[in-house]
Protein backbone atom coordinates (compact mmCIF):
# COMPACT_ATOMS: atom_id res chain seq x y z
CA MET A 1 4.04 6.91 -28.51
CA LYS A 2 3.21 6.39 -24.83
CA LYS A 3 4.43 8.93 -22.34
CA ALA A 4 6.89 7.71 -19.71
CA GLY A 5 5.05 6.55 -16.64
CA ALA A 6 1.60 6.58 -18.25
CA GLU A 7 1.05 2.83 -17.93
CA VAL A 8 2.18 2.90 -14.31
CA ARG A 9 -0.36 5.61 -13.49
CA ARG A 10 -3.03 3.85 -15.52
CA ALA A 11 -2.46 0.67 -13.52
CA ALA A 12 -2.52 2.57 -10.23
CA VAL A 13 -5.87 4.18 -11.09
CA ALA A 14 -7.29 0.83 -12.23
CA ALA A 15 -6.29 -0.80 -8.95
CA MET A 16 -7.71 2.08 -6.91
CA THR A 17 -11.00 1.87 -8.79
CA SER A 18 -11.24 -1.87 -8.21
CA VAL A 19 -10.97 -1.10 -4.49
CA THR A 20 -13.38 1.85 -4.29
CA ASP A 21 -15.96 0.71 -6.85
CA ARG A 22 -15.82 -3.08 -6.75
CA ARG A 23 -14.60 -3.52 -3.16
CA GLN A 24 -11.68 -5.72 -4.11
CA LEU A 25 -8.73 -6.18 -1.79
CA LEU A 26 -5.88 -3.92 -2.86
CA ASP A 27 -3.31 -6.70 -3.26
CA VAL A 28 -5.67 -8.60 -5.59
CA ALA A 29 -6.49 -5.43 -7.53
CA LEU A 30 -2.81 -4.57 -7.94
CA ALA A 31 -1.91 -8.07 -9.10
CA ARG A 32 -4.48 -7.77 -11.90
CA ALA A 33 -3.78 -4.18 -12.85
CA THR A 34 0.02 -4.54 -12.98
CA ALA A 35 0.27 -7.99 -14.58
CA GLU A 36 1.81 -6.60 -17.80
CA LEU A 37 4.33 -4.29 -16.08
CA VAL A 38 7.97 -5.07 -15.29
CA PRO A 39 8.92 -5.34 -11.58
CA PRO A 40 10.09 -1.72 -11.07
CA GLU A 41 6.87 -0.47 -12.70
CA ARG A 42 4.74 -2.82 -10.60
CA ALA A 43 6.43 -1.52 -7.47
CA ARG A 44 5.87 2.09 -8.50
CA ALA A 45 2.20 1.48 -9.36
CA GLY A 46 1.72 -0.20 -5.98
CA ARG A 47 3.25 2.73 -4.10
CA LEU A 48 1.14 5.23 -6.03
CA ALA A 49 -2.13 3.36 -5.52
CA THR A 50 -1.48 2.68 -1.84
CA GLY A 51 -0.40 6.23 -1.11
CA ALA A 52 -3.25 7.85 -3.04
CA LEU A 53 -5.83 5.70 -1.24
CA ARG A 54 -4.22 6.40 2.12
CA TRP A 55 -4.47 10.15 1.54
CA ALA A 56 -7.85 10.09 -0.24
CA GLY A 57 -9.66 11.80 2.64
CA ARG A 58 -7.39 14.84 2.54
CA SER A 59 -7.31 14.86 -1.26
CA ASP A 60 -11.11 14.90 -1.36
CA ARG A 61 -11.15 18.00 0.85
CA MET A 62 -8.80 19.75 -1.55
CA LEU A 63 -10.77 18.70 -4.63
CA GLY A 64 -14.26 19.24 -3.19
CA PRO A 65 -14.60 23.01 -3.82
CA PHE A 66 -14.02 22.45 -7.55
CA LEU A 67 -16.48 19.59 -8.06
CA LYS A 68 -20.20 20.33 -8.39
CA ARG A 69 -20.88 16.63 -8.07
CA LEU A 70 -18.71 13.57 -7.54
CA PRO A 71 -17.54 12.07 -10.84
CA GLU A 72 -17.39 8.33 -11.43
CA ASP A 73 -14.80 6.43 -9.41
CA GLN A 74 -12.25 6.19 -12.22
CA VAL A 75 -12.14 9.96 -12.67
CA MET A 76 -12.18 10.64 -8.92
CA ASN A 77 -9.28 8.27 -8.40
CA LEU A 78 -7.34 9.87 -11.23
CA LEU A 79 -7.78 13.24 -9.47
CA ARG A 80 -6.79 11.74 -6.10
CA LEU A 81 -3.68 10.24 -7.63
CA ALA A 82 -2.72 13.57 -9.18
CA VAL A 83 -3.14 15.41 -5.87
CA PHE A 84 -1.12 12.74 -4.07
CA GLU A 85 1.72 13.01 -6.58
CA MET A 86 1.81 16.81 -6.47
CA PHE A 87 1.41 17.39 -2.74
CA VAL A 88 2.85 14.27 -1.10
CA GLU A 89 5.45 13.06 -3.60
CA HIS A 90 6.17 16.62 -4.82
CA SER A 91 6.24 15.59 -8.47
CA PRO A 92 6.32 18.48 -11.00
CA ALA A 93 2.77 19.81 -11.20
CA HIS A 94 2.78 20.50 -14.93
CA ALA A 95 3.83 16.92 -15.72
CA VAL A 96 1.22 15.43 -13.37
CA VAL A 97 -1.59 17.55 -14.80
CA ASP A 98 -0.54 16.81 -18.38
CA GLN A 99 -0.48 13.07 -17.85
CA SER A 100 -3.70 13.05 -15.84
CA VAL A 101 -5.46 14.78 -18.74
CA THR A 102 -3.99 12.21 -21.13
CA LEU A 103 -5.28 9.33 -18.99
CA ALA A 104 -8.76 10.81 -18.47
CA PRO A 105 -11.67 8.78 -19.89
CA ARG A 106 -13.28 10.04 -23.05
CA GLY A 107 -15.18 13.27 -22.44
CA LYS A 108 -13.56 13.89 -19.03
CA ALA A 109 -10.23 15.45 -20.02
CA GLY A 110 -11.62 18.99 -19.71
CA LEU A 111 -12.96 18.29 -16.23
CA VAL A 112 -9.68 16.78 -15.04
CA ASN A 113 -7.67 19.67 -16.47
CA ALA A 114 -9.93 22.36 -14.99
CA VAL A 115 -10.13 20.81 -11.52
CA LEU A 116 -6.38 20.26 -11.17
CA ARG A 117 -5.49 23.71 -12.47
CA ASN A 118 -7.98 25.29 -10.06
CA VAL A 119 -6.43 23.32 -7.20
CA LEU A 120 -3.02 24.72 -8.12
CA ARG A 121 -4.39 28.22 -8.66
CA ARG A 122 -6.00 28.39 -5.23
CA GLY A 123 -2.78 27.35 -3.50
CA THR A 124 -4.38 25.57 -0.55
CA ASP A 125 -1.87 24.54 2.10
CA TRP A 126 -1.92 20.74 1.98
CA ASN A 127 -0.59 20.42 5.53
CA SER A 128 -3.38 22.62 6.91
CA LEU A 129 -6.03 20.07 5.93
CA PRO A 130 -7.14 17.39 8.43
CA LEU A 131 -5.46 14.01 8.33
CA PRO A 132 -7.48 11.17 6.80
CA SER A 133 -9.79 9.70 9.42
CA LEU A 134 -10.42 6.08 10.29
CA PRO A 135 -13.84 4.72 9.27
CA LYS A 136 -16.51 6.23 11.53
CA TRP A 137 -17.68 2.91 12.95
CA LEU A 138 -14.14 2.00 13.98
CA ARG A 139 -13.16 5.48 15.12
CA ARG A 140 -16.10 5.71 17.54
CA ARG A 141 -15.14 2.46 19.22
CA LEU A 142 -11.47 3.37 19.49
CA VAL A 143 -12.23 6.82 20.91
CA ALA A 144 -14.52 5.22 23.51
CA ALA A 145 -11.78 2.76 24.48
CA TRP A 146 -8.63 4.91 24.27
CA GLY A 147 -9.62 8.56 24.00
CA ARG A 148 -9.49 11.06 21.14
CA ASP A 149 -5.81 12.00 21.49
CA VAL A 150 -4.68 8.40 21.12
CA VAL A 151 -6.88 7.90 18.05
CA VAL A 152 -5.57 11.09 16.44
CA ALA A 153 -2.04 9.75 17.00
CA MET A 154 -3.08 6.47 15.36
CA GLU A 155 -4.42 8.34 12.33
CA ALA A 156 -1.19 10.30 12.00
CA GLU A 157 0.79 7.06 12.08
CA PHE A 158 -1.44 5.46 9.46
CA ALA A 159 -1.12 8.50 7.20
CA ALA A 160 2.67 8.41 7.42
CA GLY A 161 2.70 4.96 5.85
CA PRO A 162 4.25 1.72 7.05
CA MET A 163 7.92 0.90 7.40
CA LEU A 164 9.16 -2.14 5.52
CA ASP A 165 9.30 -5.10 7.90
CA LEU A 166 11.11 -8.28 6.93
CA THR A 167 11.18 -11.74 8.49
CA LEU A 168 14.29 -13.85 7.91
CA ARG A 169 14.17 -17.46 6.80
CA ASP A 170 17.13 -18.44 8.97
CA ALA A 171 17.17 -17.33 12.60
CA GLY A 172 20.50 -16.01 13.79
CA ASP A 173 21.31 -13.97 10.68
CA GLU A 174 19.46 -10.84 11.84
CA GLU A 175 22.49 -8.65 12.53
CA SER A 176 24.27 -9.44 9.26
CA TRP A 177 21.14 -8.83 7.19
CA ALA A 178 20.38 -5.62 9.07
CA ARG A 179 23.85 -4.31 8.18
CA ARG A 180 23.56 -5.45 4.58
CA LEU A 181 20.16 -3.82 4.04
CA GLY A 182 20.71 -0.73 6.16
CA ALA A 183 17.91 -1.87 8.48
CA SER A 184 17.35 -1.90 12.23
CA LEU A 185 16.68 -4.90 14.45
CA ARG A 186 13.18 -5.27 15.89
CA PRO A 187 12.73 -6.64 19.45
CA ASP A 188 10.81 -9.62 18.10
CA GLY A 189 13.70 -10.77 15.89
CA GLY A 190 12.65 -9.25 12.57
CA ILE A 191 14.34 -6.36 10.79
CA ARG A 192 12.88 -3.01 9.70
CA LEU A 193 13.86 -0.76 6.82
CA PRO A 194 13.16 2.94 7.39
CA MET A 195 11.09 3.37 4.25
CA ALA A 196 9.35 1.33 1.58
CA ARG A 197 11.39 0.57 -1.52
CA GLN A 198 11.40 -1.80 -4.47
CA VAL A 199 11.42 -5.13 -2.67
CA SER A 200 12.43 -7.23 -5.67
CA GLY A 201 15.64 -5.20 -6.05
CA LEU A 202 16.91 -5.86 -2.53
CA PRO A 203 19.64 -8.44 -1.77
CA GLY A 204 18.20 -11.74 -0.64
CA TYR A 205 14.85 -11.38 -2.38
CA ALA A 206 15.59 -13.76 -5.24
CA ASP A 207 17.10 -16.34 -2.85
CA GLY A 208 14.14 -16.31 -0.46
CA ALA A 209 16.40 -15.28 2.43
CA TRP A 210 13.57 -13.15 3.83
CA TRP A 211 10.03 -12.07 3.06
CA VAL A 212 7.97 -8.96 3.72
CA GLN A 213 5.84 -9.37 6.82
CA ASP A 214 4.39 -6.82 9.22
CA ALA A 215 5.69 -7.04 12.76
CA GLY A 216 2.22 -7.84 14.12
CA ALA A 217 1.86 -10.85 11.84
CA ALA A 218 5.35 -12.09 12.71
CA VAL A 219 4.63 -11.91 16.44
CA ALA A 220 1.50 -14.02 16.03
CA ALA A 221 3.43 -16.83 14.37
CA ARG A 222 6.22 -16.66 16.95
CA ALA A 223 3.67 -16.85 19.79
CA LEU A 224 2.43 -20.17 18.41
CA ASP A 225 5.98 -21.51 18.76
CA ALA A 226 5.47 -24.32 16.24
CA ARG A 227 8.08 -27.08 16.39
CA SER A 228 9.52 -29.57 13.94
CA GLY A 229 7.19 -32.54 13.52
CA GLU A 230 4.05 -30.64 14.53
CA ALA A 231 1.12 -30.12 12.13
CA VAL A 232 -0.25 -26.61 11.68
CA LEU A 233 -3.39 -25.53 9.82
CA ASP A 234 -3.07 -21.94 8.54
CA LEU A 235 -6.52 -20.64 7.56
CA CYS A 236 -6.94 -17.35 5.65
CA CYS A 237 -3.25 -17.74 4.90
CA ALA A 238 -2.71 -15.21 2.09
CA PRO A 239 -0.42 -13.53 1.32
CA GLY A 240 1.64 -16.23 3.06
CA GLY A 241 4.06 -14.55 5.47
CA LYS A 242 2.99 -16.58 8.50
CA THR A 243 2.84 -19.73 6.36
CA LEU A 244 6.52 -19.33 5.45
CA GLN A 245 7.42 -18.46 9.02
CA LEU A 246 5.71 -21.56 10.38
CA ALA A 247 7.21 -23.78 7.69
CA ALA A 248 10.69 -22.44 8.51
CA SER A 249 10.24 -23.80 12.05
CA GLY A 250 10.08 -27.32 10.63
CA ALA A 251 6.36 -27.79 11.17
CA ALA A 252 4.19 -29.42 8.50
CA VAL A 253 1.92 -26.54 7.42
CA THR A 254 -1.34 -26.85 5.51
CA ALA A 255 -2.26 -23.43 4.13
CA LEU A 256 -5.77 -22.55 2.92
CA ASP A 257 -7.45 -19.39 1.67
CA VAL A 258 -10.92 -18.83 0.22
CA SER A 259 -9.53 -16.57 -2.53
CA LYS A 260 -7.98 -18.41 -5.48
CA GLU A 261 -6.20 -15.23 -6.56
CA ARG A 262 -4.72 -14.59 -3.13
CA MET A 263 -3.73 -18.25 -2.84
CA ALA A 264 -1.69 -17.81 -6.00
CA ARG A 265 0.41 -15.26 -4.12
CA VAL A 266 1.13 -17.85 -1.43
CA GLU A 267 2.27 -20.31 -4.08
CA GLU A 268 4.67 -17.69 -5.48
């Protein structure tokens, strides 16, 4: 009998490993890893994988003293996920350790158990560890342009995780949808929910009344100001937020993406 949540965690680790080991895009990796899960489980696996990768830098600092050498990516990601669940999501430690051991590859259960129990035994203050840093090549350029304090603030914002931004299909309904979803209005005309949640369970999802789209992407499409009767070529279009936004304006949109898998998300 499978333990509750095991397949969700298994999918999250699989997606993380596709990113860290095979350099896949996370949305493609998640689509593959969660294909057999029901929508609430897919949403949970996505939140776990995204959060664990976001906090991987801090997790690695916590795990480092108990690892003589780095294990293979699958095991390292299983450990990162466990640390994320215990210290960010505040899941019960005993349950997280137990399930992590269960999910460990053959011959690695003892390592996973020992490392996680040592982490708990030491009692390191999670919040005392440095925030995850931007990639060095990018961080150097941003510090040169904006200064260290601004970049540190950026890193803190990235670590906190994104809000849930939505773009409406029909302009003019922003206030009613904001009330219905408990969201706030953005200056650019979109709406923002204060925290991520299961998107497929929200009102309007099944009807296509709105779609998830970061504010920055929405602004780009609005700046184009496409009109009915105009033709627009949307290159690198996946996952399709700007495509839908441009099509809603009445323009004839041709959407292309080099990735067949990501293009399938646009078709959805």
